[in-house]
Protein backbone atom coordinates (compact mmCIF):
# COMPACT_ATOMS: atom_id res chain seq x y z
CA UNK A 1 94.39 34.97 -86.11
CA UNK A 2 95.19 38.28 -84.51
CA UNK A 3 93.40 41.29 -85.90
CA UNK A 4 95.17 44.57 -86.41
CA UNK A 5 94.75 47.68 -88.51
CA UNK A 6 97.21 49.76 -90.44
CA UNK A 7 97.13 53.17 -92.02
CA UNK A 8 99.56 55.05 -94.23
CA UNK A 9 100.39 58.00 -92.04
CA UNK A 10 102.85 59.70 -94.41
CA UNK A 11 103.48 59.35 -98.13
CA UNK A 12 106.81 60.49 -99.66
CA UNK A 13 106.65 59.64 -103.38
CA UNK A 14 110.00 61.23 -104.29
CA UNK A 15 111.80 58.78 -101.95
CA UNK A 16 109.43 55.85 -102.62
CA UNK A 17 108.66 55.75 -98.90
CA UNK A 18 105.57 55.44 -96.80
CA UNK A 19 105.14 55.63 -93.03
CA UNK A 20 102.72 53.03 -91.77
CA UNK A 21 101.00 53.01 -88.38
CA UNK A 22 100.08 49.52 -87.15
CA UNK A 23 97.48 49.37 -84.37
CA UNK A 24 96.01 46.61 -82.26
CA UNK A 25 93.75 46.69 -79.27
CA UNK A 26 95.73 46.75 -76.03
CA UNK A 27 99.03 47.60 -77.78
CA UNK A 28 100.84 50.85 -78.43
CA UNK A 29 100.85 52.05 -82.06
CA UNK A 30 103.85 50.88 -84.08
CA UNK A 31 105.31 53.24 -86.71
CA UNK A 32 107.42 52.00 -89.60
CA UNK A 33 108.93 53.69 -92.65
CA UNK A 34 108.86 51.33 -95.62
CA UNK A 35 110.48 51.72 -99.01
CA UNK A 36 108.00 50.59 -101.63
CA UNK A 37 109.30 49.14 -104.90
CA UNK A 38 106.24 50.30 -106.78
CA UNK A 39 103.12 52.31 -106.13
CA UNK A 40 100.80 49.52 -107.17
CA UNK A 41 98.08 49.32 -104.51
CA UNK A 42 98.16 45.52 -104.17
CA UNK A 43 101.97 45.39 -103.96
CA UNK A 44 102.01 48.13 -101.31
CA UNK A 45 99.35 46.29 -99.26
CA UNK A 46 101.29 43.03 -99.58
CA UNK A 47 104.50 44.66 -98.35
CA UNK A 48 102.72 46.32 -95.41
CA UNK A 49 101.05 43.05 -94.42
CA UNK A 50 104.27 41.03 -94.80
CA UNK A 51 105.93 43.34 -92.28
CA UNK A 52 103.23 42.63 -89.70
CA UNK A 53 105.12 39.62 -88.27
CA UNK A 54 107.83 42.03 -87.09
CA UNK A 55 105.20 44.26 -85.52
CA UNK A 56 103.59 41.32 -83.69
CA UNK A 57 107.00 40.24 -82.41
CA UNK A 58 107.52 43.78 -81.11
CA UNK A 59 104.14 43.81 -79.39
CA UNK A 60 104.83 40.41 -77.77
CA UNK A 61 108.18 41.63 -76.39
CA UNK A 62 106.61 44.86 -75.15
CA UNK A 63 104.23 42.84 -72.95
CA UNK A 64 107.13 41.22 -71.07
CA UNK A 65 109.37 44.30 -70.94
CA UNK A 66 110.05 45.82 -67.52
CA UNK A 67 107.97 48.86 -66.59
CA UNK A 68 111.07 50.98 -66.04
CA UNK A 69 114.11 51.06 -68.29
CA UNK A 70 116.92 48.96 -66.77
CA UNK A 71 119.55 51.53 -67.90
CA UNK A 72 119.14 54.91 -66.24
CA UNK A 73 121.03 58.14 -66.87
CA UNK A 74 123.75 59.08 -69.28
CA UNK A 75 126.14 56.24 -70.06
CA UNK A 76 129.65 56.47 -71.45
CA UNK A 77 131.24 54.00 -73.80
CA UNK A 78 134.36 53.63 -75.89
CA UNK A 79 134.19 52.67 -79.54
CA UNK A 80 136.56 49.78 -80.11
CA UNK A 81 138.07 49.26 -83.51
CA UNK A 82 137.43 45.76 -84.81
CA UNK A 83 140.70 43.89 -84.96
CA UNK A 84 141.54 41.72 -87.95
CA UNK A 85 141.97 37.99 -87.33
CA UNK A 86 145.26 36.62 -88.60
CA UNK A 87 146.17 32.93 -88.87
CA UNK A 88 149.49 31.74 -87.45
CA UNK A 89 150.19 28.69 -89.59
CA UNK A 90 153.26 27.61 -87.66
CA UNK A 91 153.28 23.83 -87.56
CA UNK A 92 153.02 22.21 -84.16
CA UNK A 93 153.91 18.59 -83.47
CA UNK A 94 152.80 16.21 -80.76
CA UNK A 95 155.64 14.05 -79.44
CA UNK A 96 153.34 11.71 -77.50
CA UNK A 97 149.66 11.62 -78.54
CA UNK A 98 148.69 9.89 -75.31
CA UNK A 99 149.96 12.62 -72.99
CA UNK A 100 149.69 15.61 -75.35
CA UNK A 101 146.99 17.18 -77.48
CA UNK A 102 146.86 20.08 -79.95
CA UNK A 103 144.41 22.85 -79.09
CA UNK A 104 143.43 26.11 -80.75
CA UNK A 105 145.15 29.17 -79.33
CA UNK A 106 144.01 32.78 -79.62
CA UNK A 107 146.40 35.62 -78.90
CA UNK A 108 145.15 39.19 -78.85
CA UNK A 109 147.59 42.02 -79.47
CA UNK A 110 146.88 45.72 -79.64
CA UNK A 111 146.35 45.52 -83.42
CA UNK A 112 145.09 42.02 -84.22
CA UNK A 113 143.83 38.65 -83.05
CA UNK A 114 146.10 35.75 -83.95
CA UNK A 115 144.74 32.22 -84.28
CA UNK A 116 147.06 29.27 -84.06
CA UNK A 117 147.62 25.99 -82.29
CA UNK A 118 149.67 24.80 -79.36
CA UNK A 119 150.53 21.50 -77.69
CA UNK A 120 149.20 21.08 -74.15
CA UNK A 121 149.06 18.14 -71.74
CA UNK A 122 146.13 15.82 -72.42
CA UNK A 123 143.74 15.57 -69.45
CA UNK A 124 144.56 12.53 -67.29
CA UNK A 125 141.07 11.03 -67.64
CA UNK A 126 141.42 10.88 -71.47
CA UNK A 127 144.80 9.16 -71.55
CA UNK A 128 143.70 5.53 -70.97
CA UNK A 129 141.12 5.79 -73.76
CA UNK A 130 143.69 7.22 -76.21
CA UNK A 131 146.27 4.57 -75.25
CA UNK A 132 143.74 1.78 -75.78
CA UNK A 133 142.71 3.28 -79.13
CA UNK A 134 146.34 3.28 -80.27
CA UNK A 135 146.80 -0.30 -79.03
CA UNK A 136 143.59 -1.38 -80.84
CA UNK A 137 144.80 0.25 -84.05
CA UNK A 138 148.12 -1.57 -83.81
CA UNK A 139 146.30 -4.87 -83.18
CA UNK A 140 143.93 -4.29 -86.10
CA UNK A 141 146.96 -3.63 -88.28
CA UNK A 142 148.09 -7.22 -87.60
CA UNK A 143 144.70 -8.95 -87.80
CA UNK A 144 145.42 -10.22 -91.29
CA UNK A 145 148.11 -12.46 -89.78
CA UNK A 146 145.33 -14.53 -88.23
CA UNK A 147 143.27 -15.06 -91.41
CA UNK A 148 142.96 -18.63 -92.67
CA UNK A 149 144.15 -17.76 -96.17
CA UNK A 150 147.49 -16.29 -95.02
CA UNK A 151 150.60 -18.17 -93.93
CA UNK A 152 150.56 -19.31 -90.31
CA UNK A 153 151.85 -16.52 -88.04
CA UNK A 154 155.28 -16.89 -86.55
CA UNK A 155 155.81 -17.13 -82.79
CA UNK A 156 157.27 -13.59 -82.88
CA UNK A 157 154.06 -12.31 -84.46
CA UNK A 158 151.91 -14.12 -81.89
CA UNK A 159 154.08 -12.75 -79.05
CA UNK A 160 153.81 -9.25 -80.51
CA UNK A 161 150.00 -9.44 -80.59
CA UNK A 162 149.92 -10.76 -77.02
CA UNK A 163 152.23 -7.97 -75.86
CA UNK A 164 149.83 -5.43 -77.44
CA UNK A 165 146.91 -7.02 -75.57
CA UNK A 166 148.92 -6.76 -72.33
CA UNK A 167 149.71 -3.02 -72.73
CA UNK A 168 146.92 -1.90 -70.29
CA UNK A 169 148.44 -4.14 -67.57
CA UNK A 170 151.82 -2.38 -67.67
CA UNK A 171 152.65 -0.59 -64.42
CA UNK A 172 153.20 2.77 -66.19
CA UNK A 173 149.95 2.64 -68.17
CA UNK A 174 148.85 5.01 -69.65
CA UNK A 175 151.61 7.66 -69.14
CA UNK A 176 154.69 5.45 -69.55
CA UNK A 177 154.06 2.65 -72.01
CA UNK A 178 156.73 0.45 -73.47
CA UNK A 179 155.26 -0.31 -76.85
CA UNK A 180 156.16 -3.78 -78.13
CA UNK A 181 158.12 -4.05 -81.35
CA UNK A 182 158.37 -6.84 -83.84
């Protein structure tokens, strides 16, 4: 436990405020104005002591702060008005999910920030994985053909499933795939 002391330095009953000075050996005094909900002694002490974690955080940061202020001299700044964010709900459509992907798009104008979506080329390294996922989905969609309690699959169905398995061996894989049809 870290010991510290506090003292009410100023008492302003008409505003329900007190100024408290927190002190600890090896640390600069910390002054804080607190609004007290009541003037009950125990409640005031509890509020002062509950605030001590903020004071200890301040003292800990002060120990690692640079000796000299990193900002020197008068600085100028421009107050920027906060722009409202507006959603552009225009629908976008991917023609080929293997080579294209929808991404979020932010456009900043003088008056607002517009959020929306746009279609961009999918990174080349992701395309084989997406193509295989589509192929696997199409295969899974036909798995019931192979169950023992369904009619025996036709040769066309078997050829279709084999053609799906062979998709990664196509010369244009993954950019130019000729998807088999049934």
